[in-house]
Structure formats: C-alpha cells, structure tokens
Amino acid sequence: MKKTADPSFCADKMKVLSDVTRLSVLEELLQGPKHVAEINAVLKLEQSLLSHHLQVLRRSGLVKTTRDGKAVLYEIAPEARAATSGKALNLGCCQISFVGLPKKR
C-alpha cells in the first residue's frame, strides 16, 4: 500500500474500518488466509452479508483473493500487512493495531 499524506485517502480507509464486522473479518484474516466458511464459522453471519463485507475490504485494497479450486481464499493484502507486527495493518497513512482489542464472539 502506498504511503500518502492525502487526507481523503486516509479518510476512505477509515470509513472502510468503521464497521465492526469488517474489523472482525480483518482480525480473523490476520491469523492467516481463510475461506468464507472458515470466517463464517467464527463470525456466524449470513453468507450474503459476509460476502458484502469481504467485497468492500477487497475493493479498498486491504484484502486479496486467490482461487482455490472452486473456492476463494481471502487474505490480508501484502501491501496492507504492517512490517512491525503480525496483528496490525498498514493503511498507507497510518497503522492500526489489533493487539489488546476485546474479542467479539
């Protein structure tokens, strides 16, 4: 993810992260790549709602997909991985850490 000082760039990333479901999805994906069913086993959402949130995360550049046979594997985009910690994201304008956040389960 490119670094930028453009306030609208950062604001767009923050809007994506302003949803608790998307934060929960990202927290799951920080543990490693997962299929939709694996994410949903933890979050227990309607499949269409989870797919919507995954699409938003993918369009924002935070998540990437890979074909795995007939399934799709989701993972944190390499450019969004923070170099300093496995539990943080690089948004390009700042980093967000998932260390110490309470679990929503």
PDB file of N, CA and C in Angstrom:
ATOM      1  N   MET A   1       0.847  -1.158   0.000  1.00  0.00           N
ATOM      2  CA  MET A   1       0.000   0.000   0.000  1.00  0.00           C
ATOM      3  C   MET A   1       0.896   1.224   0.000  1.00  0.00           C
ATOM      4  N   LYS A   2       0.611   2.152  -0.869  1.00  0.00           N
ATOM      5  CA  LYS A   2       1.452   3.342  -0.961  1.00  0.00           C
ATOM      6  C   LYS A   2       1.225   4.256   0.238  1.00  0.00           C
ATOM      7  N   LYS A   3       2.273   4.962   0.601  1.00  0.00           N
ATOM      8  CA  LYS A   3       2.151   5.959   1.660  1.00  0.00           C
ATOM      9  C   LYS A   3       1.639   7.234   1.032  1.00  0.00           C
ATOM     10  N   THR A   4       0.768   7.897   1.740  1.00  0.00           N
ATOM     11  CA  THR A   4       0.238   9.146   1.215  1.00  0.00           C
ATOM     12  C   THR A   4      -0.137  10.066   2.365  1.00  0.00           C
ATOM     13  N   ALA A   5       0.013  11.344   2.129  1.00  0.00           N
ATOM     14  CA  ALA A   5      -0.393  12.338   3.121  1.00  0.00           C
ATOM     15  C   ALA A   5      -1.758  12.916   2.773  1.00  0.00           C
ATOM     16  N   ASP A   6      -2.369  12.427   1.713  1.00  0.00           N
ATOM     17  CA  ASP A   6      -3.671  12.925   1.263  1.00  0.00           C
ATOM     18  C   ASP A   6      -4.743  12.567   2.291  1.00  0.00           C
ATOM     19  N   PRO A   7      -5.362  13.548   2.919  1.00  0.00           N
ATOM     20  CA  PRO A   7      -6.379  13.271   3.940  1.00  0.00           C
ATOM     21  C   PRO A   7      -7.555  12.446   3.416  1.00  0.00           C
ATOM     22  N   SER A   8      -7.948  12.618   2.156  1.00  0.00           N
ATOM     23  CA  SER A   8      -9.083  11.845   1.639  1.00  0.00           C
ATOM     24  C   SER A   8      -8.727  10.364   1.505  1.00  0.00           C
ATOM     25  N   PHE A   9      -7.461  10.062   1.195  1.00  0.00           N
ATOM     26  CA  PHE A   9      -7.011   8.670   1.116  1.00  0.00           C
ATOM     27  C   PHE A   9      -7.180   7.997   2.469  1.00  0.00           C
ATOM     28  N   CYS A  10      -6.705   8.678   3.513  1.00  0.00           N
ATOM     29  CA  CYS A  10      -6.799   8.130   4.860  1.00  0.00           C
ATOM     30  C   CYS A  10      -8.261   8.032   5.307  1.00  0.00           C
ATOM     31  N   ALA A  11      -9.047   9.038   4.999  1.00  0.00           N
ATOM     32  CA  ALA A  11     -10.462   9.037   5.387  1.00  0.00           C
ATOM     33  C   ALA A  11     -11.208   7.869   4.743  1.00  0.00           C
ATOM     34  N   ASP A  12     -10.891   7.575   3.484  1.00  0.00           N
ATOM     35  CA  ASP A  12     -11.530   6.441   2.797  1.00  0.00           C
ATOM     36  C   ASP A  12     -11.202   5.124   3.495  1.00  0.00           C
ATOM     37  N   LYS A  13      -9.950   4.938   3.900  1.00  0.00           N
ATOM     38  CA  LYS A  13      -9.550   3.713   4.612  1.00  0.00           C
ATOM     39  C   LYS A  13     -10.262   3.630   5.958  1.00  0.00           C
ATOM     40  N   MET A  14     -10.355   4.749   6.638  1.00  0.00           N
ATOM     41  CA  MET A  14     -11.011   4.759   7.948  1.00  0.00           C
ATOM     42  C   MET A  14     -12.502   4.461   7.832  1.00  0.00           C
ATOM     43  N   LYS A  15     -13.129   4.915   6.754  1.00  0.00           N
ATOM     44  CA  LYS A  15     -14.548   4.603   6.531  1.00  0.00           C
ATOM     45  C   LYS A  15     -14.747   3.102   6.395  1.00  0.00           C
ATOM     46  N   VAL A  16     -13.847   2.455   5.671  1.00  0.00           N
ATOM     47  CA  VAL A  16     -13.934   1.000   5.500  1.00  0.00           C
ATOM     48  C   VAL A  16     -13.820   0.318   6.858  1.00  0.00           C
ATOM     49  N   LEU A  17     -12.959   0.832   7.713  1.00  0.00           N
ATOM     50  CA  LEU A  17     -12.713   0.218   9.016  1.00  0.00           C
ATOM     51  C   LEU A  17     -13.716   0.633  10.086  1.00  0.00           C
ATOM     52  N   SER A  18     -14.664   1.492   9.735  1.00  0.00           N
ATOM     53  CA  SER A  18     -15.618   1.980  10.727  1.00  0.00           C
ATOM     54  C   SER A  18     -16.744   0.993  11.015  1.00  0.00           C
ATOM     55  N   ASP A  19     -16.672  -0.194  10.443  1.00  0.00           N
ATOM     56  CA  ASP A  19     -17.700  -1.210  10.639  1.00  0.00           C
ATOM     57  C   ASP A  19     -17.127  -2.352  11.485  1.00  0.00           C
ATOM     58  N   VAL A  20     -17.810  -2.703  12.562  1.00  0.00           N
ATOM     59  CA  VAL A  20     -17.321  -3.735  13.480  1.00  0.00           C
ATOM     60  C   VAL A  20     -17.181  -5.095  12.784  1.00  0.00           C
ATOM     61  N   THR A  21     -18.062  -5.399  11.845  1.00  0.00           N
ATOM     62  CA  THR A  21     -17.969  -6.675  11.137  1.00  0.00           C
ATOM     63  C   THR A  21     -16.701  -6.732  10.293  1.00  0.00           C
ATOM     64  N   ARG A  22     -16.390  -5.638   9.591  1.00  0.00           N
ATOM     65  CA  ARG A  22     -15.177  -5.625   8.774  1.00  0.00           C
ATOM     66  C   ARG A  22     -13.930  -5.717   9.649  1.00  0.00           C
ATOM     67  N   LEU A  23     -13.950  -5.057  10.806  1.00  0.00           N
ATOM     68  CA  LEU A  23     -12.820  -5.189  11.732  1.00  0.00           C
ATOM     69  C   LEU A  23     -12.668  -6.638  12.206  1.00  0.00           C
ATOM     70  N   SER A  24     -13.776  -7.302  12.471  1.00  0.00           N
ATOM     71  CA  SER A  24     -13.732  -8.707  12.903  1.00  0.00           C
ATOM     72  C   SER A  24     -13.191  -9.605  11.805  1.00  0.00           C
ATOM     73  N   VAL A  25     -13.594  -9.341  10.572  1.00  0.00           N
ATOM     74  CA  VAL A  25     -13.090 -10.122   9.429  1.00  0.00           C
ATOM     75  C   VAL A  25     -11.586  -9.923   9.310  1.00  0.00           C
ATOM     76  N   LEU A  26     -11.124  -8.693   9.382  1.00  0.00           N
ATOM     77  CA  LEU A  26      -9.691  -8.418   9.278  1.00  0.00           C
ATOM     78  C   LEU A  26      -8.913  -9.083  10.401  1.00  0.00           C
ATOM     79  N   GLU A  27      -9.467  -9.064  11.596  1.00  0.00           N
ATOM     80  CA  GLU A  27      -8.793  -9.710  12.719  1.00  0.00           C
ATOM     81  C   GLU A  27      -8.645 -11.212  12.476  1.00  0.00           C
ATOM     82  N   GLU A  28      -9.666 -11.834  11.913  1.00  0.00           N
ATOM     83  CA  GLU A  28      -9.575 -13.265  11.569  1.00  0.00           C
ATOM     84  C   GLU A  28      -8.513 -13.501  10.498  1.00  0.00           C
ATOM     85  N   LEU A  29      -8.488 -12.644   9.488  1.00  0.00           N
ATOM     86  CA  LEU A  29      -7.539 -12.820   8.386  1.00  0.00           C
ATOM     87  C   LEU A  29      -6.105 -12.512   8.795  1.00  0.00           C
ATOM     88  N   LEU A  30      -5.902 -11.744   9.843  1.00  0.00           N
ATOM     89  CA  LEU A  30      -4.545 -11.508  10.336  1.00  0.00           C
ATOM     90  C   LEU A  30      -3.933 -12.794  10.881  1.00  0.00           C
ATOM     91  N   GLN A  31      -4.760 -13.776  11.204  1.00  0.00           N
ATOM     92  CA  GLN A  31      -4.264 -15.072  11.677  1.00  0.00           C
ATOM     93  C   GLN A  31      -3.819 -15.962  10.526  1.00  0.00           C
ATOM     94  N   GLY A  32      -4.220 -15.602   9.299  1.00  0.00           N
ATOM     95  CA  GLY A  32      -3.840 -16.363   8.114  1.00  0.00           C
ATOM     96  C   GLY A  32      -4.977 -16.418   7.114  1.00  0.00           C
ATOM     97  N   PRO A  33      -4.685 -16.861   5.879  1.00  0.00           N
ATOM     98  CA  PRO A  33      -5.714 -16.945   4.836  1.00  0.00           C
ATOM     99  C   PRO A  33      -6.851 -17.874   5.241  1.00  0.00           C
ATOM    100  N   LYS A  34      -8.066 -17.515   4.820  1.00  0.00           N
ATOM    101  CA  LYS A  34      -9.238 -18.322   5.172  1.00  0.00           C
ATOM    102  C   LYS A  34     -10.256 -18.295   4.043  1.00  0.00           C
ATOM    103  N   HIS A  35     -11.040 -19.372   3.963  1.00  0.00           N
ATOM    104  CA  HIS A  35     -12.191 -19.428   3.064  1.00  0.00           C
ATOM    105  C   HIS A  35     -13.382 -18.781   3.777  1.00  0.00           C
ATOM    106  N   VAL A  36     -14.394 -18.429   3.025  1.00  0.00           N
ATOM    107  CA  VAL A  36     -15.586 -17.791   3.585  1.00  0.00           C
ATOM    108  C   VAL A  36     -16.184 -18.646   4.699  1.00  0.00           C
ATOM    109  N   ALA A  37     -16.268 -19.944   4.495  1.00  0.00           N
ATOM    110  CA  ALA A  37     -16.865 -20.822   5.506  1.00  0.00           C
ATOM    111  C   ALA A  37     -16.076 -20.797   6.812  1.00  0.00           C
ATOM    112  N   GLU A  38     -14.760 -20.675   6.723  1.00  0.00           N
ATOM    113  CA  GLU A  38     -13.933 -20.611   7.932  1.00  0.00           C
ATOM    114  C   GLU A  38     -14.161 -19.305   8.689  1.00  0.00           C
ATOM    115  N   ILE A  39     -14.279 -18.219   7.956  1.00  0.00           N
ATOM    116  CA  ILE A  39     -14.548 -16.926   8.588  1.00  0.00           C
ATOM    117  C   ILE A  39     -15.929 -16.951   9.220  1.00  0.00           C
ATOM    118  N   ASN A  40     -16.877 -17.506   8.481  1.00  0.00           N
ATOM    119  CA  ASN A  40     -18.256 -17.531   8.953  1.00  0.00           C
ATOM    120  C   ASN A  40     -18.457 -18.472  10.139  1.00  0.00           C
ATOM    121  N   ALA A  41     -17.633 -19.481  10.273  1.00  0.00           N
ATOM    122  CA  ALA A  41     -17.729 -20.384  11.421  1.00  0.00           C
ATOM    123  C   ALA A  41     -17.464 -19.625  12.720  1.00  0.00           C
ATOM    124  N   VAL A  42     -16.650 -18.582  12.633  1.00  0.00           N
ATOM    125  CA  VAL A  42     -16.335 -17.769  13.807  1.00  0.00           C
ATOM    126  C   VAL A  42     -17.329 -16.626  13.966  1.00  0.00           C
ATOM    127  N   LEU A  43     -17.619 -15.919  12.876  1.00  0.00           N
ATOM    128  CA  LEU A  43     -18.438 -14.710  12.962  1.00  0.00           C
ATOM    129  C   LEU A  43     -19.941 -14.973  12.932  1.00  0.00           C
ATOM    130  N   LYS A  44     -20.347 -16.107  12.357  1.00  0.00           N
ATOM    131  CA  LYS A  44     -21.756 -16.517  12.312  1.00  0.00           C
ATOM    132  C   LYS A  44     -22.676 -15.447  11.718  1.00  0.00           C
ATOM    133  N   LEU A  45     -22.380 -15.060  10.473  1.00  0.00           N
ATOM    134  CA  LEU A  45     -23.176 -14.080   9.741  1.00  0.00           C
ATOM    135  C   LEU A  45     -23.909 -14.762   8.602  1.00  0.00           C
ATOM    136  N   GLU A  46     -24.899 -14.086   8.059  1.00  0.00           N
ATOM    137  CA  GLU A  46     -25.494 -14.586   6.814  1.00  0.00           C
ATOM    138  C   GLU A  46     -24.419 -14.501   5.746  1.00  0.00           C
ATOM    139  N   GLN A  47     -24.369 -15.514   4.890  1.00  0.00           N
ATOM    140  CA  GLN A  47     -23.306 -15.602   3.884  1.00  0.00           C
ATOM    141  C   GLN A  47     -23.305 -14.387   2.971  1.00  0.00           C
ATOM    142  N   SER A  48     -24.466 -13.882   2.605  1.00  0.00           N
ATOM    143  CA  SER A  48     -24.532 -12.719   1.718  1.00  0.00           C
ATOM    144  C   SER A  48     -23.974 -11.466   2.403  1.00  0.00           C
ATOM    145  N   LEU A  49     -24.215 -11.317   3.696  1.00  0.00           N
ATOM    146  CA  LEU A  49     -23.686 -10.174   4.437  1.00  0.00           C
ATOM    147  C   LEU A  49     -22.161 -10.259   4.536  1.00  0.00           C
ATOM    148  N   LEU A  50     -21.652 -11.441   4.831  1.00  0.00           N
ATOM    149  CA  LEU A  50     -20.204 -11.628   4.895  1.00  0.00           C
ATOM    150  C   LEU A  50     -19.564 -11.353   3.536  1.00  0.00           C
ATOM    151  N   SER A  51     -20.181 -11.836   2.471  1.00  0.00           N
ATOM    152  CA  SER A  51     -19.655 -11.593   1.126  1.00  0.00           C
ATOM    153  C   SER A  51     -19.610 -10.102   0.809  1.00  0.00           C
ATOM    154  N   HIS A  52     -20.633  -9.377   1.235  1.00  0.00           N
ATOM    155  CA  HIS A  52     -20.648  -7.921   1.031  1.00  0.00           C
ATOM    156  C   HIS A  52     -19.448  -7.268   1.715  1.00  0.00           C
ATOM    157  N   HIS A  53     -19.219  -7.609   2.972  1.00  0.00           N
ATOM    158  CA  HIS A  53     -18.118  -7.013   3.714  1.00  0.00           C
ATOM    159  C   HIS A  53     -16.768  -7.403   3.113  1.00  0.00           C
ATOM    160  N   LEU A  54     -16.629  -8.631   2.664  1.00  0.00           N
ATOM    161  CA  LEU A  54     -15.385  -9.059   2.018  1.00  0.00           C
ATOM    162  C   LEU A  54     -15.146  -8.286   0.723  1.00  0.00           C
ATOM    163  N   GLN A  55     -16.209  -8.013  -0.010  1.00  0.00           N
ATOM    164  CA  GLN A  55     -16.084  -7.236  -1.243  1.00  0.00           C
ATOM    165  C   GLN A  55     -15.620  -5.808  -0.947  1.00  0.00           C
ATOM    166  N   VAL A  56     -16.163  -5.194   0.088  1.00  0.00           N
ATOM    167  CA  VAL A  56     -15.752  -3.845   0.478  1.00  0.00           C
ATOM    168  C   VAL A  56     -14.265  -3.841   0.859  1.00  0.00           C
ATOM    169  N   LEU A  57     -13.846  -4.831   1.622  1.00  0.00           N
ATOM    170  CA  LEU A  57     -12.447  -4.927   2.028  1.00  0.00           C
ATOM    171  C   LEU A  57     -11.524  -5.171   0.831  1.00  0.00           C
ATOM    172  N   ARG A  58     -11.990  -5.971  -0.115  1.00  0.00           N
ATOM    173  CA  ARG A  58     -11.192  -6.240  -1.313  1.00  0.00           C
ATOM    174  C   ARG A  58     -11.057  -4.985  -2.169  1.00  0.00           C
ATOM    175  N   ARG A  59     -12.149  -4.263  -2.373  1.00  0.00           N
ATOM    176  CA  ARG A  59     -12.111  -3.032  -3.175  1.00  0.00           C
ATOM    177  C   ARG A  59     -11.222  -1.965  -2.543  1.00  0.00           C
ATOM    178  N   SER A  60     -11.124  -1.986  -1.234  1.00  0.00           N
ATOM    179  CA  SER A  60     -10.304  -0.993  -0.533  1.00  0.00           C
ATOM    180  C   SER A  60      -8.814  -1.327  -0.595  1.00  0.00           C
ATOM    181  N   GLY A  61      -8.492  -2.525  -1.047  1.00  0.00           N
ATOM    182  CA  GLY A  61      -7.096  -2.933  -1.134  1.00  0.00           C
ATOM    183  C   GLY A  61      -6.551  -3.554   0.139  1.00  0.00           C
ATOM    184  N   LEU A  62      -7.408  -3.796   1.121  1.00  0.00           N
ATOM    185  CA  LEU A  62      -6.951  -4.398   2.373  1.00  0.00           C
ATOM    186  C   LEU A  62      -6.915  -5.921   2.311  1.00  0.00           C
ATOM    187  N   VAL A  63      -7.725  -6.491   1.432  1.00  0.00           N
ATOM    188  CA  VAL A  63      -7.837  -7.948   1.310  1.00  0.00           C
ATOM    189  C   VAL A  63      -7.637  -8.341  -0.145  1.00  0.00           C
ATOM    190  N   LYS A  64      -6.995  -9.488  -0.348  1.00  0.00           N
ATOM    191  CA  LYS A  64      -6.866 -10.017  -1.704  1.00  0.00           C
ATOM    192  C   LYS A  64      -7.438 -11.429  -1.737  1.00  0.00           C
ATOM    193  N   THR A  65      -7.775 -11.873  -2.934  1.00  0.00           N
ATOM    194  CA  THR A  65      -8.354 -13.207  -3.108  1.00  0.00           C
ATOM    195  C   THR A  65      -7.479 -14.044  -4.019  1.00  0.00           C
ATOM    196  N   THR A  66      -7.572 -15.357  -3.812  1.00  0.00           N
ATOM    197  CA  THR A  66      -6.891 -16.333  -4.645  1.00  0.00           C
ATOM    198  C   THR A  66      -7.858 -17.485  -4.883  1.00  0.00           C
ATOM    199  N   ARG A  67      -7.929 -17.959  -6.119  1.00  0.00           N
ATOM    200  CA  ARG A  67      -8.766 -19.127  -6.413  1.00  0.00           C
ATOM    201  C   ARG A  67      -8.136 -20.353  -5.779  1.00  0.00           C
ATOM    202  N   ASP A  68      -8.962 -21.171  -5.143  1.00  0.00           N
ATOM    203  CA  ASP A  68      -8.538 -22.416  -4.522  1.00  0.00           C
ATOM    204  C   ASP A  68      -9.521 -23.483  -4.978  1.00  0.00           C
ATOM    205  N   GLY A  69      -9.329 -23.969  -6.208  1.00  0.00           N
ATOM    206  CA  GLY A  69     -10.302 -24.873  -6.814  1.00  0.00           C
ATOM    207  C   GLY A  69     -11.562 -24.091  -7.108  1.00  0.00           C
ATOM    208  N   LYS A  70     -12.682 -24.561  -6.580  1.00  0.00           N
ATOM    209  CA  LYS A  70     -13.951 -23.854  -6.761  1.00  0.00           C
ATOM    210  C   LYS A  70     -14.163 -22.785  -5.705  1.00  0.00           C
ATOM    211  N   ALA A  71     -13.346 -22.796  -4.677  1.00  0.00           N
ATOM    212  CA  ALA A  71     -13.491 -21.851  -3.572  1.00  0.00           C
ATOM    213  C   ALA A  71     -12.575 -20.639  -3.772  1.00  0.00           C
ATOM    214  N   VAL A  72     -12.780 -19.648  -2.937  1.00  0.00           N
ATOM    215  CA  VAL A  72     -11.952 -18.445  -2.947  1.00  0.00           C
ATOM    216  C   VAL A  72     -11.306 -18.309  -1.567  1.00  0.00           C
ATOM    217  N   LEU A  73     -10.005 -18.079  -1.585  1.00  0.00           N
ATOM    218  CA  LEU A  73      -9.246 -17.905  -0.359  1.00  0.00           C
ATOM    219  C   LEU A  73      -9.014 -16.411  -0.150  1.00  0.00           C
ATOM    220  N   TYR A  74      -9.343 -15.917   1.021  1.00  0.00           N
ATOM    221  CA  TYR A  74      -9.180 -14.496   1.360  1.00  0.00           C
ATOM    222  C   TYR A  74      -7.991 -14.347   2.294  1.00  0.00           C
ATOM    223  N   GLU A  75      -7.229 -13.262   2.084  1.00  0.00           N
ATOM    224  CA  GLU A  75      -6.109 -12.971   2.959  1.00  0.00           C
ATOM    225  C   GLU A  75      -5.829 -11.470   2.956  1.00  0.00           C
ATOM    226  N   ILE A  76      -5.100 -11.039   3.973  1.00  0.00           N
ATOM    227  CA  ILE A  76      -4.690  -9.637   4.038  1.00  0.00           C
ATOM    228  C   ILE A  76      -3.771  -9.373   2.849  1.00  0.00           C
ATOM    229  N   ALA A  77      -4.016  -8.278   2.142  1.00  0.00           N
ATOM    230  CA  ALA A  77      -3.162  -7.915   1.009  1.00  0.00           C
ATOM    231  C   ALA A  77      -1.744  -7.662   1.530  1.00  0.00           C
ATOM    232  N   PRO A  78      -0.730  -8.138   0.794  1.00  0.00           N
ATOM    233  CA  PRO A  78       0.661  -7.969   1.265  1.00  0.00           C
ATOM    234  C   PRO A  78       1.012  -6.512   1.578  1.00  0.00           C
ATOM    235  N   GLU A  79       0.537  -5.582   0.768  1.00  0.00           N
ATOM    236  CA  GLU A  79       0.861  -4.172   1.000  1.00  0.00           C
ATOM    237  C   GLU A  79       0.136  -3.600   2.220  1.00  0.00           C
ATOM    238  N   ALA A  80      -0.866  -4.313   2.719  1.00  0.00           N
ATOM    239  CA  ALA A  80      -1.592  -3.854   3.906  1.00  0.00           C
ATOM    240  C   ALA A  80      -1.044  -4.470   5.184  1.00  0.00           C
ATOM    241  N   ARG A  81      -0.142  -5.424   5.055  1.00  0.00           N
ATOM    242  CA  ARG A  81       0.468  -6.028   6.246  1.00  0.00           C
ATOM    243  C   ARG A  81       1.475  -5.057   6.836  1.00  0.00           C
ATOM    244  N   ALA A  82       1.371  -4.824   8.117  1.00  0.00           N
ATOM    245  CA  ALA A  82       2.330  -3.957   8.801  1.00  0.00           C
ATOM    246  C   ALA A  82       3.627  -4.732   8.991  1.00  0.00           C
ATOM    247  N   ALA A  83       4.733  -4.105   8.693  1.00  0.00           N
ATOM    248  CA  ALA A  83       6.036  -4.760   8.802  1.00  0.00           C
ATOM    249  C   ALA A  83       6.434  -5.015  10.251  1.00  0.00           C
ATOM    250  N   THR A  84       5.889  -4.245  11.169  1.00  0.00           N
ATOM    251  CA  THR A  84       6.331  -4.328  12.558  1.00  0.00           C
ATOM    252  C   THR A  84       5.580  -5.351  13.398  1.00  0.00           C
ATOM    253  N   SER A  85       4.401  -5.762  12.971  1.00  0.00           N
ATOM    254  CA  SER A  85       3.602  -6.657  13.816  1.00  0.00           C
ATOM    255  C   SER A  85       2.657  -7.490  12.973  1.00  0.00           C
ATOM    256  N   GLY A  86       2.449  -8.731  13.368  1.00  0.00           N
ATOM    257  CA  GLY A  86       1.505  -9.589  12.680  1.00  0.00           C
ATOM    258  C   GLY A  86       0.061  -9.266  13.010  1.00  0.00           C
ATOM    259  N   LYS A  87      -0.162  -8.430  14.013  1.00  0.00           N
ATOM    260  CA  LYS A  87      -1.519  -8.073  14.432  1.00  0.00           C
ATOM    261  C   LYS A  87      -1.834  -6.616  14.124  1.00  0.00           C
ATOM    262  N   ALA A  88      -1.274  -6.109  13.012  1.00  0.00           N
ATOM    263  CA  ALA A  88      -1.505  -4.714  12.642  1.00  0.00           C
ATOM    264  C   ALA A  88      -1.625  -4.597  11.135  1.00  0.00           C
ATOM    265  N   LEU A  89      -2.295  -3.533  10.701  1.00  0.00           N
ATOM    266  CA  LEU A  89      -2.456  -3.249   9.273  1.00  0.00           C
ATOM    267  C   LEU A  89      -1.792  -1.925   8.933  1.00  0.00           C
ATOM    268  N   ASN A  90      -1.187  -1.881   7.753  1.00  0.00           N
ATOM    269  CA  ASN A  90      -0.617  -0.651   7.224  1.00  0.00           C
ATOM    270  C   ASN A  90      -1.649  -0.055   6.273  1.00  0.00           C
ATOM    271  N   LEU A  91      -2.191   1.098   6.633  1.00  0.00           N
ATOM    272  CA  LEU A  91      -3.207   1.733   5.796  1.00  0.00           C
ATOM    273  C   LEU A  91      -2.599   2.682   4.772  1.00  0.00           C
ATOM    274  N   GLY A  92      -1.292   2.862   4.821  1.00  0.00           N
ATOM    275  CA  GLY A  92      -0.629   3.791   3.920  1.00  0.00           C
ATOM    276  C   GLY A  92      -0.454   5.151   4.554  1.00  0.00           C
ATOM    277  N   CYS A  93      -1.427   5.569   5.335  1.00  0.00           N
ATOM    278  CA  CYS A  93      -1.351   6.863   6.032  1.00  0.00           C
ATOM    279  C   CYS A  93      -1.031   6.659   7.506  1.00  0.00           C
ATOM    280  N   CYS A  94      -1.322   5.466   8.003  1.00  0.00           N
ATOM    281  CA  CYS A  94      -1.093   5.143   9.409  1.00  0.00           C
ATOM    282  C   CYS A  94      -1.195   3.621   9.556  1.00  0.00           C
ATOM    283  N   GLN A  95      -0.956   3.138  10.768  1.00  0.00           N
ATOM    284  CA  GLN A  95      -1.126   1.722  11.054  1.00  0.00           C
ATOM    285  C   GLN A  95      -2.187   1.572  12.130  1.00  0.00           C
ATOM    286  N   ILE A  96      -2.901   0.444  12.062  1.00  0.00           N
ATOM    287  CA  ILE A  96      -3.898   0.132  13.079  1.00  0.00           C
ATOM    288  C   ILE A  96      -3.521  -1.217  13.682  1.00  0.00           C
ATOM    289  N   SER A  97      -3.515  -1.277  14.994  1.00  0.00           N
ATOM    290  CA  SER A  97      -3.115  -2.486  15.706  1.00  0.00           C
ATOM    291  C   SER A  97      -4.339  -3.174  16.301  1.00  0.00           C
ATOM    292  N   PHE A  98      -4.331  -4.495  16.242  1.00  0.00           N
ATOM    293  CA  PHE A  98      -5.418  -5.284  16.814  1.00  0.00           C
ATOM    294  C   PHE A  98      -5.025  -5.873  18.162  1.00  0.00           C
ATOM    295  N   VAL A  99      -3.875  -5.507  18.672  1.00  0.00           N
ATOM    296  CA  VAL A  99      -3.407  -6.015  19.952  1.00  0.00           C
ATOM    297  C   VAL A  99      -4.230  -5.400  21.071  1.00  0.00           C
ATOM    298  N   GLY A 100      -4.761  -6.232  21.923  1.00  0.00           N
ATOM    299  CA  GLY A 100      -5.495  -5.760  23.075  1.00  0.00           C
ATOM    300  C   GLY A 100      -6.963  -5.437  22.840  1.00  0.00           C
ATOM    301  N   LEU A 101      -7.459  -5.630  21.603  1.00  0.00           N
ATOM    302  CA  LEU A 101      -8.879  -5.387  21.364  1.00  0.00           C
ATOM    303  C   LEU A 101      -9.692  -6.525  21.962  1.00  0.00           C
ATOM    304  N   PRO A 102     -10.825  -6.221  22.575  1.00  0.00           N
ATOM    305  CA  PRO A 102     -11.674  -7.298  23.107  1.00  0.00           C
ATOM    306  C   PRO A 102     -12.258  -8.135  21.977  1.00  0.00           C
ATOM    307  N   LYS A 103     -12.380  -9.413  22.207  1.00  0.00           N
ATOM    308  CA  LYS A 103     -12.937 -10.339  21.214  1.00  0.00           C
ATOM    309  C   LYS A 103     -14.449 -10.217  21.174  1.00  0.00           C
ATOM    310  N   LYS A 104     -15.003 -10.131  19.959  1.00  0.00           N
ATOM    311  CA  LYS A 104     -16.462 -10.131  19.768  1.00  0.00           C
ATOM    312  C   LYS A 104     -16.847 -11.545  19.358  1.00  0.00           C
ATOM    313  N   ARG A 105     -17.356 -12.319  20.254  1.00  0.00           N
ATOM    314  CA  ARG A 105     -17.735 -13.708  19.952  1.00  0.00           C
ATOM    315  C   ARG A 105     -19.020 -14.037  20.635  1.00  0.00           C
TER     316      ARG A 105
END
